Amino acid sequence: MMARLRTPGAFGAGAVVYGPEVPVPENAPVQDRPLGAIGRHPARSPAPGR
């Protein structure tokens, strides 16, 4: 399932749902682990204006 969600265009032209898995430390907070699994860096801030 995760491979399909990471495939560009699987949900329409240009749509990428999840990026490559981002490693998180073993002692990371519980909410950071799923963020890393779906390709979001837990410490990253949103771009200005978002």
PDB file of N, CA and C in Angstrom:
ATOM      1  N   MET A   1       0.827  -1.200   0.000  1.00  0.00           N
ATOM      2  CA  MET A   1       0.000   0.000   0.000  1.00  0.00           C
ATOM      3  C   MET A   1       0.869   1.261   0.000  1.00  0.00           C
ATOM      4  N   MET A   2       1.896   1.309   0.872  1.00  0.00           N
ATOM      5  CA  MET A   2       2.727   2.516   0.934  1.00  0.00           C
ATOM      6  C   MET A   2       3.433   2.763  -0.393  1.00  0.00           C
ATOM      7  N   ALA A   3       3.861   1.701  -1.082  1.00  0.00           N
ATOM      8  CA  ALA A   3       4.532   1.883  -2.377  1.00  0.00           C
ATOM      9  C   ALA A   3       3.587   2.566  -3.363  1.00  0.00           C
ATOM     10  N   ARG A   4       2.327   2.178  -3.370  1.00  0.00           N
ATOM     11  CA  ARG A   4       1.356   2.795  -4.277  1.00  0.00           C
ATOM     12  C   ARG A   4       1.163   4.270  -3.935  1.00  0.00           C
ATOM     13  N   LEU A   5       1.124   4.589  -2.649  1.00  0.00           N
ATOM     14  CA  LEU A   5       0.924   5.977  -2.243  1.00  0.00           C
ATOM     15  C   LEU A   5       2.132   6.842  -2.583  1.00  0.00           C
ATOM     16  N   ARG A   6       3.304   6.221  -2.735  1.00  0.00           N
ATOM     17  CA  ARG A   6       4.519   6.962  -3.074  1.00  0.00           C
ATOM     18  C   ARG A   6       4.755   7.038  -4.585  1.00  0.00           C
ATOM     19  N   THR A   7       3.913   6.413  -5.394  1.00  0.00           N
ATOM     20  CA  THR A   7       4.089   6.395  -6.836  1.00  0.00           C
ATOM     21  C   THR A   7       3.490   7.651  -7.457  1.00  0.00           C
ATOM     22  N   PRO A   8       4.328   8.489  -8.094  1.00  0.00           N
ATOM     23  CA  PRO A   8       3.803   9.698  -8.730  1.00  0.00           C
ATOM     24  C   PRO A   8       2.733   9.347  -9.767  1.00  0.00           C
ATOM     25  N   GLY A   9       1.632  10.059  -9.720  1.00  0.00           N
ATOM     26  CA  GLY A   9       0.548   9.860 -10.673  1.00  0.00           C
ATOM     27  C   GLY A   9      -0.426   8.758 -10.317  1.00  0.00           C
ATOM     28  N   ALA A  10      -0.224   8.032  -9.238  1.00  0.00           N
ATOM     29  CA  ALA A  10      -1.122   6.930  -8.880  1.00  0.00           C
ATOM     30  C   ALA A  10      -2.541   7.425  -8.581  1.00  0.00           C
ATOM     31  N   PHE A  11      -2.670   8.672  -8.164  1.00  0.00           N
ATOM     32  CA  PHE A  11      -3.979   9.239  -7.832  1.00  0.00           C
ATOM     33  C   PHE A  11      -4.330  10.408  -8.737  1.00  0.00           C
ATOM     34  N   GLY A  12      -3.738  10.443  -9.909  1.00  0.00           N
ATOM     35  CA  GLY A  12      -4.005  11.523 -10.859  1.00  0.00           C
ATOM     36  C   GLY A  12      -2.696  12.146 -11.317  1.00  0.00           C
ATOM     37  N   ALA A  13      -2.774  12.839 -12.401  1.00  0.00           N
ATOM     38  CA  ALA A  13      -1.575  13.450 -12.985  1.00  0.00           C
ATOM     39  C   ALA A  13      -0.885  14.392 -11.997  1.00  0.00           C
ATOM     40  N   GLY A  14       0.378  14.145 -11.745  1.00  0.00           N
ATOM     41  CA  GLY A  14       1.165  15.012 -10.881  1.00  0.00           C
ATOM     42  C   GLY A  14       0.927  14.846  -9.391  1.00  0.00           C
ATOM     43  N   ALA A  15       0.045  13.949  -8.982  1.00  0.00           N
ATOM     44  CA  ALA A  15      -0.263  13.777  -7.561  1.00  0.00           C
ATOM     45  C   ALA A  15       0.717  12.811  -6.907  1.00  0.00           C
ATOM     46  N   VAL A  16       1.371  13.271  -5.854  1.00  0.00           N
ATOM     47  CA  VAL A  16       2.233  12.422  -5.037  1.00  0.00           C
ATOM     48  C   VAL A  16       1.720  12.554  -3.612  1.00  0.00           C
ATOM     49  N   VAL A  17       1.210  11.458  -3.055  1.00  0.00           N
ATOM     50  CA  VAL A  17       0.592  11.508  -1.737  1.00  0.00           C
ATOM     51  C   VAL A  17       1.646  11.506  -0.635  1.00  0.00           C
ATOM     52  N   TYR A  18       2.578  10.566  -0.699  1.00  0.00           N
ATOM     53  CA  TYR A  18       3.609  10.452   0.323  1.00  0.00           C
ATOM     54  C   TYR A  18       4.986  10.424  -0.314  1.00  0.00           C
ATOM     55  N   GLY A  19       5.967  11.004   0.383  1.00  0.00           N
ATOM     56  CA  GLY A  19       7.340  10.982  -0.094  1.00  0.00           C
ATOM     57  C   GLY A  19       8.094   9.793   0.473  1.00  0.00           C
ATOM     58  N   PRO A  20       9.388   9.715   0.172  1.00  0.00           N
ATOM     59  CA  PRO A  20      10.205   8.637   0.723  1.00  0.00           C
ATOM     60  C   PRO A  20      10.261   8.723   2.247  1.00  0.00           C
ATOM     61  N   GLU A  21      10.401   7.597   2.894  1.00  0.00           N
ATOM     62  CA  GLU A  21      10.440   7.562   4.351  1.00  0.00           C
ATOM     63  C   GLU A  21      11.604   8.398   4.879  1.00  0.00           C
ATOM     64  N   VAL A  22      11.339   9.175   5.928  1.00  0.00           N
ATOM     65  CA  VAL A  22      12.341  10.024   6.570  1.00  0.00           C
ATOM     66  C   VAL A  22      12.735   9.344   7.883  1.00  0.00           C
ATOM     67  N   PRO A  23      14.028   9.095   8.085  1.00  0.00           N
ATOM     68  CA  PRO A  23      14.431   8.451   9.338  1.00  0.00           C
ATOM     69  C   PRO A  23      14.208   9.375  10.535  1.00  0.00           C
ATOM     70  N   VAL A  24      13.738   8.801  11.618  1.00  0.00           N
ATOM     71  CA  VAL A  24      13.577   9.541  12.871  1.00  0.00           C
ATOM     72  C   VAL A  24      14.332   8.776  13.961  1.00  0.00           C
ATOM     73  N   PRO A  25      14.824   9.475  14.986  1.00  0.00           N
ATOM     74  CA  PRO A  25      15.565   8.799  16.053  1.00  0.00           C
ATOM     75  C   PRO A  25      14.709   7.769  16.795  1.00  0.00           C
ATOM     76  N   GLU A  26      15.365   6.778  17.347  1.00  0.00           N
ATOM     77  CA  GLU A  26      14.668   5.743  18.131  1.00  0.00           C
ATOM     78  C   GLU A  26      13.851   6.348  19.264  1.00  0.00           C
ATOM     79  N   ASN A  27      14.346   7.437  19.851  1.00  0.00           N
ATOM     80  CA  ASN A  27      13.666   8.046  20.988  1.00  0.00           C
ATOM     81  C   ASN A  27      12.757   9.204  20.575  1.00  0.00           C
ATOM     82  N   ALA A  28      12.386   9.249  19.311  1.00  0.00           N
ATOM     83  CA  ALA A  28      11.505  10.317  18.810  1.00  0.00           C
ATOM     84  C   ALA A  28      10.129  10.206  19.457  1.00  0.00           C
ATOM     85  N   PRO A  29       9.450  11.361  19.624  1.00  0.00           N
ATOM     86  CA  PRO A  29       8.084  11.313  20.155  1.00  0.00           C
ATOM     87  C   PRO A  29       7.173  10.460  19.254  1.00  0.00           C
ATOM     88  N   VAL A  30       6.158   9.903  19.845  1.00  0.00           N
ATOM     89  CA  VAL A  30       5.249   9.004  19.124  1.00  0.00           C
ATOM     90  C   VAL A  30       4.681   9.662  17.867  1.00  0.00           C
ATOM     91  N   GLN A  31       4.310  10.925  17.916  1.00  0.00           N
ATOM     92  CA  GLN A  31       3.705  11.575  16.745  1.00  0.00           C
ATOM     93  C   GLN A  31       4.713  11.800  15.622  1.00  0.00           C
ATOM     94  N   ASP A  32       6.013  11.811  15.920  1.00  0.00           N
ATOM     95  CA  ASP A  32       7.021  12.007  14.876  1.00  0.00           C
ATOM     96  C   ASP A  32       7.231  10.752  14.034  1.00  0.00           C
ATOM     97  N   ARG A  33       6.996   9.589  14.586  1.00  0.00           N
ATOM     98  CA  ARG A  33       7.241   8.328  13.873  1.00  0.00           C
ATOM     99  C   ARG A  33       6.351   8.169  12.647  1.00  0.00           C
ATOM    100  N   PRO A  34       5.038   8.357  12.746  1.00  0.00           N
ATOM    101  CA  PRO A  34       4.230   8.237  11.525  1.00  0.00           C
ATOM    102  C   PRO A  34       4.536   9.341  10.513  1.00  0.00           C
ATOM    103  N   LEU A  35       4.914  10.525  10.997  1.00  0.00           N
ATOM    104  CA  LEU A  35       5.286  11.588  10.058  1.00  0.00           C
ATOM    105  C   LEU A  35       6.487  11.156   9.224  1.00  0.00           C
ATOM    106  N   GLY A  36       7.480  10.570   9.867  1.00  0.00           N
ATOM    107  CA  GLY A  36       8.642  10.067   9.143  1.00  0.00           C
ATOM    108  C   GLY A  36       8.265   8.967   8.168  1.00  0.00           C
ATOM    109  N   ALA A  37       7.346   8.100   8.562  1.00  0.00           N
ATOM    110  CA  ALA A  37       6.928   6.991   7.711  1.00  0.00           C
ATOM    111  C   ALA A  37       6.257   7.467   6.428  1.00  0.00           C
ATOM    112  N   ILE A  38       5.566   8.603   6.482  1.00  0.00           N
ATOM    113  CA  ILE A  38       4.889   9.097   5.279  1.00  0.00           C
ATOM    114  C   ILE A  38       5.693  10.164   4.542  1.00  0.00           C
ATOM    115  N   GLY A  39       6.965  10.324   4.952  1.00  0.00           N
ATOM    116  CA  GLY A  39       7.844  11.208   4.198  1.00  0.00           C
ATOM    117  C   GLY A  39       7.867  12.653   4.636  1.00  0.00           C
ATOM    118  N   ARG A  40       7.375  12.931   5.815  1.00  0.00           N
ATOM    119  CA  ARG A  40       7.390  14.309   6.326  1.00  0.00           C
ATOM    120  C   ARG A  40       8.436  14.414   7.414  1.00  0.00           C
ATOM    121  N   HIS A  41       9.275  15.432   7.344  1.00  0.00           N
ATOM    122  CA  HIS A  41      10.302  15.611   8.362  1.00  0.00           C
ATOM    123  C   HIS A  41       9.644  16.289   9.557  1.00  0.00           C
ATOM    124  N   PRO A  42       9.630  15.634  10.723  1.00  0.00           N
ATOM    125  CA  PRO A  42       8.919  16.165  11.892  1.00  0.00           C
ATOM    126  C   PRO A  42       9.397  17.554  12.343  1.00  0.00           C
ATOM    127  N   ALA A  43      10.666  17.878  12.157  1.00  0.00           N
ATOM    128  CA  ALA A  43      11.189  19.156  12.636  1.00  0.00           C
ATOM    129  C   ALA A  43      11.029  20.296  11.627  1.00  0.00           C
ATOM    130  N   ARG A  44      10.586  19.988  10.429  1.00  0.00           N
ATOM    131  CA  ARG A  44      10.476  20.996   9.383  1.00  0.00           C
ATOM    132  C   ARG A  44       9.274  21.912   9.634  1.00  0.00           C
ATOM    133  N   SER A  45       9.482  23.195   9.448  1.00  0.00           N
ATOM    134  CA  SER A  45       8.400  24.174   9.578  1.00  0.00           C
ATOM    135  C   SER A  45       7.775  24.395   8.213  1.00  0.00           C
ATOM    136  N   PRO A  46       6.512  24.774   8.161  1.00  0.00           N
ATOM    137  CA  PRO A  46       5.886  25.071   6.877  1.00  0.00           C
ATOM    138  C   PRO A  46       6.558  26.286   6.232  1.00  0.00           C
ATOM    139  N   ALA A  47       6.475  26.355   4.933  1.00  0.00           N
ATOM    140  CA  ALA A  47       7.033  27.508   4.205  1.00  0.00           C
ATOM    141  C   ALA A  47       6.263  28.760   4.605  1.00  0.00           C
ATOM    142  N   PRO A  48       6.947  29.910   4.640  1.00  0.00           N
ATOM    143  CA  PRO A  48       6.246  31.158   4.964  1.00  0.00           C
ATOM    144  C   PRO A  48       5.054  31.384   4.032  1.00  0.00           C
ATOM    145  N   GLY A  49       3.971  31.849   4.586  1.00  0.00           N
ATOM    146  CA  GLY A  49       2.784  32.133   3.791  1.00  0.00           C
ATOM    147  C   GLY A  49       1.846  30.949   3.653  1.00  0.00           C
ATOM    148  N   ARG A  50       2.169  29.826   4.276  1.00  0.00           N
ATOM    149  CA  ARG A  50       1.285  28.666   4.190  1.00  0.00           C
ATOM    150  C   ARG A  50       0.478  28.505   5.430  1.00  0.00           C
TER     151      ARG A  50
END
